[in-house]
């Protein structure tokens, strides 16, 4: 009994340590976002908790207040004076549009493609799967130059639609392979039984198979959303006036130094949508990630 309690306690301590290692950078990032500039750039010591918290960094980056400006009712307002280049509201909107749009399009196309690859046998299907997988091996940096010229000629450069298409093209291979693995876990006998009862192929897909792969669909959507939300290279080269959050953060690195308060504030704010999205699909996400782990 004593050995069992000791092992359990040790296991908990190790688990807490591992979680702490992963959570510490995020916690420090959030802590930096509420530090005044004097605490962030203190050369004599590392300021941890002995400072007066401020929301000024969030006011500037998320609410659009000016870094320096005139005061009205005790508030420093964006647009009255000062530099408004720190305003991150348009970047947040652009990131939401691109991430949600690319996630929706990717999951729809990947869902249809994965069902066809899982249920319909045709010559060269395995080679086609290998070709899909090979598309993900190619890093975006290898195709970024021709992609910029193609999008420019098509009028898609520096548009939300162009960035959505680019993110969709990058996400589709992994989404198809992931969803196909979930489809393969469902016995094909279920499809045959439904069609014997009079269901069409589409009815079988929509009413029988789709409810059974909700978990896999949620897991795939989360991965696609997180990739699109955090993607930097394509957003940097395919847009100039439109800036997603990762690109906007780089503008806070100036010739006079890095604005760590603003960087951490916008970065911390960027984490929240991912957390909210994961919480909304948490039940299906856990089921999707564990689907096929236990076989009868």
Protein backbone atom coordinates (compact mmCIF):
# COMPACT_ATOMS: atom_id res chain seq x y z
CA UNK A 1 0.00 0.00 0.00
CA UNK A 2 2.82 2.36 0.89
CA UNK A 3 4.66 1.59 -2.37
CA UNK A 4 1.46 2.11 -4.35
CA UNK A 5 0.83 5.51 -2.72
CA UNK A 6 4.43 6.54 -3.30
CA UNK A 7 4.26 5.59 -6.99
CA UNK A 8 0.98 7.46 -7.41
CA UNK A 9 2.39 10.56 -5.73
CA UNK A 10 5.54 10.40 -7.85
CA UNK A 11 3.42 10.03 -10.97
CA UNK A 12 1.40 13.11 -10.07
CA UNK A 13 4.54 15.12 -9.37
CA UNK A 14 6.09 14.13 -12.69
CA UNK A 15 2.84 14.97 -14.50
CA UNK A 16 2.67 18.39 -12.82
CA UNK A 17 6.31 19.04 -13.75
CA UNK A 18 5.74 18.14 -17.42
CA UNK A 19 2.60 20.28 -17.61
CA UNK A 20 4.44 23.13 -15.89
CA UNK A 21 7.26 22.99 -18.45
CA UNK A 22 4.76 23.38 -21.30
CA UNK A 23 2.57 25.96 -19.57
CA UNK A 24 5.41 28.17 -18.29
CA UNK A 25 6.19 29.92 -21.63
CA UNK A 26 2.48 30.71 -22.13
CA UNK A 27 2.15 31.96 -18.54
CA UNK A 28 5.26 34.14 -18.90
CA UNK A 29 3.93 35.44 -22.22
CA UNK A 30 0.66 36.42 -20.55
CA UNK A 31 2.48 37.96 -17.61
CA UNK A 32 4.61 40.08 -19.93
CA UNK A 33 1.48 41.37 -21.66
CA UNK A 34 0.32 43.13 -18.48
CA UNK A 35 3.71 44.55 -17.51
CA UNK A 36 4.47 48.26 -17.91
CA UNK A 37 7.36 49.11 -20.19
CA UNK A 38 9.60 49.84 -17.19
CA UNK A 39 9.15 46.26 -15.95
CA UNK A 40 9.64 44.68 -19.38
CA UNK A 41 12.92 46.51 -20.04
CA UNK A 42 14.36 46.52 -16.52
CA UNK A 43 18.11 45.98 -17.03
CA UNK A 44 18.96 45.36 -13.37
CA UNK A 45 16.66 42.45 -12.57
CA UNK A 46 14.04 40.07 -13.90
CA UNK A 47 10.68 41.44 -12.89
CA UNK A 48 8.23 38.65 -12.08
CA UNK A 49 5.38 39.81 -9.83
CA UNK A 50 6.65 43.03 -8.23
CA UNK A 51 5.06 45.45 -10.69
CA UNK A 52 1.78 47.27 -11.11
CA UNK A 53 -0.28 45.48 -13.81
CA UNK A 54 -1.51 47.53 -16.74
CA UNK A 55 -3.86 46.85 -19.65
CA UNK A 56 -2.26 49.50 -21.82
CA UNK A 57 -0.71 46.91 -24.14
CA UNK A 58 -4.14 45.39 -24.81
CA UNK A 59 -5.72 48.81 -25.24
CA UNK A 60 -3.24 49.67 -27.97
CA UNK A 61 -3.16 46.35 -29.87
CA UNK A 62 -6.68 44.97 -29.37
CA UNK A 63 -8.88 48.00 -28.74
CA UNK A 64 -7.13 50.42 -31.09
CA UNK A 65 -5.94 53.09 -28.67
CA UNK A 66 -2.95 55.10 -29.80
CA UNK A 67 0.46 54.57 -28.31
CA UNK A 68 0.74 58.32 -27.96
CA UNK A 69 -2.21 60.60 -28.45
CA UNK A 70 -4.42 63.26 -26.99
CA UNK A 71 -6.68 62.51 -24.06
CA UNK A 72 -10.41 62.67 -23.96
CA UNK A 73 -12.31 61.69 -20.81
CA UNK A 74 -9.11 60.31 -19.41
CA UNK A 75 -8.51 58.02 -22.41
CA UNK A 76 -5.86 58.15 -25.08
CA UNK A 77 -7.73 57.68 -28.32
CA UNK A 78 -6.71 56.13 -31.61
CA UNK A 79 -6.65 58.58 -34.48
CA UNK A 80 -6.49 61.81 -32.49
CA UNK A 81 -2.75 61.90 -32.67
CA UNK A 82 0.22 59.61 -32.50
CA UNK A 83 1.04 56.45 -34.44
CA UNK A 84 -1.81 54.01 -35.14
CA UNK A 85 0.41 51.29 -36.64
CA UNK A 86 0.09 49.25 -33.44
CA UNK A 87 -3.65 48.74 -33.93
CA UNK A 88 -4.18 44.98 -34.39
CA UNK A 89 -7.95 44.93 -34.85
CA UNK A 90 -7.87 44.56 -38.63
CA UNK A 91 -5.31 41.74 -38.29
CA UNK A 92 -7.57 39.89 -35.86
CA UNK A 93 -10.51 40.21 -38.26
CA UNK A 94 -8.38 39.06 -41.21
CA UNK A 95 -7.08 36.05 -39.27
CA UNK A 96 -10.62 35.04 -38.27
CA UNK A 97 -11.88 35.33 -41.87
CA UNK A 98 -8.99 33.33 -43.32
CA UNK A 99 -8.85 30.65 -40.61
CA UNK A 100 -12.61 30.02 -40.50
CA UNK A 101 -12.96 30.16 -44.28
CA UNK A 102 -10.09 27.78 -45.02
CA UNK A 103 -11.19 25.39 -42.25
CA UNK A 104 -14.75 25.17 -43.61
CA UNK A 105 -13.64 24.64 -47.22
CA UNK A 106 -10.94 22.14 -46.26
CA UNK A 107 -13.21 20.00 -44.09
CA UNK A 108 -15.97 19.91 -46.73
CA UNK A 109 -13.67 18.84 -49.56
CA UNK A 110 -11.66 16.48 -47.36
CA UNK A 111 -14.83 14.86 -46.02
CA UNK A 112 -16.14 14.06 -49.50
CA UNK A 113 -12.75 12.92 -50.78
CA UNK A 114 -12.02 10.72 -47.75
CA UNK A 115 -15.40 9.01 -48.02
CA UNK A 116 -14.81 8.23 -51.68
CA UNK A 117 -11.29 6.92 -51.04
CA UNK A 118 -12.44 4.83 -48.09
CA UNK A 119 -15.53 3.29 -49.66
CA UNK A 120 -14.92 3.21 -53.42
CA UNK A 121 -12.21 1.01 -54.87
CA UNK A 122 -10.62 1.99 -58.18
CA UNK A 123 -7.43 1.28 -60.06
CA UNK A 124 -4.46 3.18 -58.67
CA UNK A 125 -6.22 4.23 -55.44
CA UNK A 126 -3.18 3.43 -53.31
CA UNK A 127 -0.90 5.37 -55.62
CA UNK A 128 -3.34 8.28 -55.49
CA UNK A 129 -3.19 8.21 -51.68
CA UNK A 130 0.60 8.24 -51.80
CA UNK A 131 0.45 11.22 -54.18
CA UNK A 132 -1.83 13.09 -51.75
CA UNK A 133 0.57 12.35 -48.90
CA UNK A 134 3.54 13.53 -50.96
CA UNK A 135 1.91 16.96 -51.35
CA UNK A 136 2.31 17.50 -47.62
CA UNK A 137 6.00 16.62 -47.75
CA UNK A 138 6.67 19.69 -49.87
CA UNK A 139 7.26 22.72 -47.62
CA UNK A 140 5.40 25.92 -48.54
CA UNK A 141 8.70 27.79 -48.94
CA UNK A 142 9.51 25.58 -51.95
CA UNK A 143 6.50 26.83 -53.92
CA UNK A 144 6.09 30.33 -52.52
CA UNK A 145 7.74 32.16 -55.47
CA UNK A 146 5.66 30.59 -58.29
CA UNK A 147 2.60 30.81 -56.06
CA UNK A 148 3.05 34.57 -55.70
CA UNK A 149 3.22 35.02 -59.50
CA UNK A 150 0.23 32.74 -60.11
CA UNK A 151 -1.91 34.52 -57.52
CA UNK A 152 -0.83 37.90 -58.89
CA UNK A 153 -1.84 36.97 -62.45
CA UNK A 154 -5.19 35.61 -61.19
CA UNK A 155 -5.90 38.74 -59.13
CA UNK A 156 -5.87 36.78 -55.89
CA UNK A 157 -2.79 38.34 -54.32
CA UNK A 158 -3.44 40.54 -51.30
CA UNK A 159 -7.01 39.24 -50.92
CA UNK A 160 -8.73 37.21 -48.24
CA UNK A 161 -9.97 34.78 -50.90
CA UNK A 162 -6.43 34.15 -52.16
CA UNK A 163 -5.10 33.46 -48.68
CA UNK A 164 -8.03 31.15 -47.94
CA UNK A 165 -7.33 29.18 -51.12
CA UNK A 166 -3.61 28.94 -50.29
CA UNK A 167 -4.27 27.67 -46.76
CA UNK A 168 -6.86 25.23 -48.10
CA UNK A 169 -4.41 23.77 -50.60
CA UNK A 170 -1.85 23.22 -47.86
CA UNK A 171 -4.37 21.70 -45.43
CA UNK A 172 -6.29 19.36 -47.74
CA UNK A 173 -3.71 16.50 -47.95
CA UNK A 174 -3.41 15.97 -44.20
CA UNK A 175 -7.16 16.49 -43.73
CA UNK A 176 -8.00 13.85 -46.35
CA UNK A 177 -5.62 11.29 -44.87
CA UNK A 178 -6.79 11.95 -41.33
CA UNK A 179 -10.49 11.71 -42.16
CA UNK A 180 -9.91 8.60 -44.28
CA UNK A 181 -8.38 6.87 -41.27
CA UNK A 182 -11.56 7.61 -39.31
CA UNK A 183 -13.74 6.40 -42.21
CA UNK A 184 -11.74 3.16 -42.41
CA UNK A 185 -12.53 2.44 -38.74
CA UNK A 186 -16.25 2.19 -39.64
CA UNK A 187 -17.12 -1.25 -41.10
CA UNK A 188 -18.29 -1.12 -44.71
CA UNK A 189 -21.08 -3.51 -43.73
CA UNK A 190 -22.90 -0.51 -42.23
CA UNK A 191 -23.01 1.17 -45.65
CA UNK A 192 -24.23 -2.01 -47.31
CA UNK A 193 -26.92 -2.53 -44.69
CA UNK A 194 -28.18 1.04 -45.13
CA UNK A 195 -28.33 0.73 -48.92
CA UNK A 196 -30.11 -2.62 -48.69
CA UNK A 197 -32.75 -0.81 -46.62
CA UNK A 198 -33.23 1.62 -49.50
CA UNK A 199 -30.80 4.44 -48.71
CA UNK A 200 -28.94 6.09 -51.56
CA UNK A 201 -25.18 6.53 -51.46
CA UNK A 202 -25.56 10.18 -50.40
CA UNK A 203 -28.15 9.30 -47.73
CA UNK A 204 -25.81 6.63 -46.43
CA UNK A 205 -22.99 9.16 -46.24
CA UNK A 206 -25.07 12.01 -44.74
CA UNK A 207 -27.32 10.11 -42.32
CA UNK A 208 -25.19 7.13 -41.31
CA UNK A 209 -21.47 7.71 -41.76
CA UNK A 210 -21.23 11.44 -41.02
CA UNK A 211 -22.72 11.20 -37.49
CA UNK A 212 -20.26 8.41 -36.73
CA UNK A 213 -17.20 10.47 -37.69
CA UNK A 214 -18.12 13.67 -35.84
CA UNK A 215 -15.13 13.16 -33.56
CA UNK A 216 -12.73 12.77 -36.47
CA UNK A 217 -14.25 15.77 -38.20
CA UNK A 218 -13.76 17.90 -35.07
CA UNK A 219 -10.14 16.78 -34.71
CA UNK A 220 -9.45 17.57 -38.36
CA UNK A 221 -11.13 20.97 -38.14
CA UNK A 222 -9.07 21.90 -35.08
CA UNK A 223 -5.80 20.98 -36.80
CA UNK A 224 -6.75 22.95 -39.93
CA UNK A 225 -7.85 25.97 -37.91
CA UNK A 226 -4.69 26.04 -35.79
CA UNK A 227 -2.46 25.76 -38.87
CA UNK A 228 -4.26 28.57 -40.69
CA UNK A 229 -4.40 30.75 -37.55
CA UNK A 230 -0.66 30.47 -36.93
CA UNK A 231 0.60 30.29 -40.54
CA UNK A 232 3.19 32.94 -41.32
CA UNK A 233 5.09 32.39 -44.57
CA UNK A 234 2.17 32.28 -47.03
CA UNK A 235 0.51 35.22 -45.29
CA UNK A 236 3.72 37.24 -45.49
CA UNK A 237 4.34 36.73 -49.22
CA UNK A 238 0.76 36.62 -50.55
CA UNK A 239 -0.46 39.77 -48.79
CA UNK A 240 0.80 43.29 -48.22
CA UNK A 241 -2.08 45.48 -47.03
CA UNK A 242 -3.86 42.51 -45.42
CA UNK A 243 -1.92 41.31 -42.42
CA UNK A 244 -2.80 38.29 -40.31
CA UNK A 245 -1.80 38.22 -36.64
CA UNK A 246 1.58 36.42 -37.11
CA UNK A 247 2.58 38.95 -39.79
CA UNK A 248 1.29 41.90 -37.74
CA UNK A 249 3.38 40.85 -34.75
CA UNK A 250 6.57 41.14 -36.80
CA UNK A 251 5.83 44.84 -37.40
CA UNK A 252 6.31 45.46 -33.67
CA UNK A 253 10.02 44.74 -34.13
CA UNK A 254 11.28 48.22 -35.01
CA UNK A 255 14.64 49.80 -35.65
CA UNK A 256 14.70 51.06 -32.06
CA UNK A 257 13.91 47.68 -30.51
CA UNK A 258 11.19 45.08 -30.02
CA UNK A 259 7.90 46.17 -28.45
CA UNK A 260 7.63 43.10 -26.22
CA UNK A 261 4.60 44.42 -24.36
CA UNK A 262 2.59 44.81 -27.56
CA UNK A 263 3.96 41.57 -29.01
CA UNK A 264 2.92 39.56 -25.96
CA UNK A 265 -0.47 41.29 -25.71
CA UNK A 266 -1.44 40.55 -29.32
CA UNK A 267 0.08 37.07 -29.08
CA UNK A 268 -1.85 36.26 -25.92
CA UNK A 269 -5.05 37.53 -27.54
CA UNK A 270 -4.34 35.31 -30.55
CA UNK A 271 -4.28 32.22 -28.33
CA UNK A 272 -7.85 32.76 -27.10
CA UNK A 273 -9.74 31.91 -30.34
CA UNK A 274 -7.93 28.58 -30.59
CA UNK A 275 -8.80 27.75 -26.99
CA UNK A 276 -12.43 28.75 -27.52
CA UNK A 277 -12.68 26.69 -30.71
CA UNK A 278 -11.16 23.65 -29.02
CA UNK A 279 -13.51 24.00 -26.04
CA UNK A 280 -16.53 24.13 -28.35
CA UNK A 281 -15.60 20.82 -30.01
CA UNK A 282 -13.89 19.27 -26.98
CA UNK A 283 -16.33 16.39 -26.61
CA UNK A 284 -16.03 15.39 -30.26
CA UNK A 285 -12.29 16.12 -30.30
CA UNK A 286 -11.51 13.65 -27.49
CA UNK A 287 -13.65 11.01 -29.18
CA UNK A 288 -11.98 11.66 -32.49
CA UNK A 289 -8.43 11.45 -31.16
CA UNK A 290 -9.19 8.16 -29.38
CA UNK A 291 -11.24 6.62 -32.21
CA UNK A 292 -9.76 3.33 -33.23
CA UNK A 293 -7.45 3.16 -30.20
CA UNK A 294 -9.43 0.28 -28.64
CA UNK A 295 -10.54 -2.66 -30.73
CA UNK A 296 -13.07 -5.27 -29.65
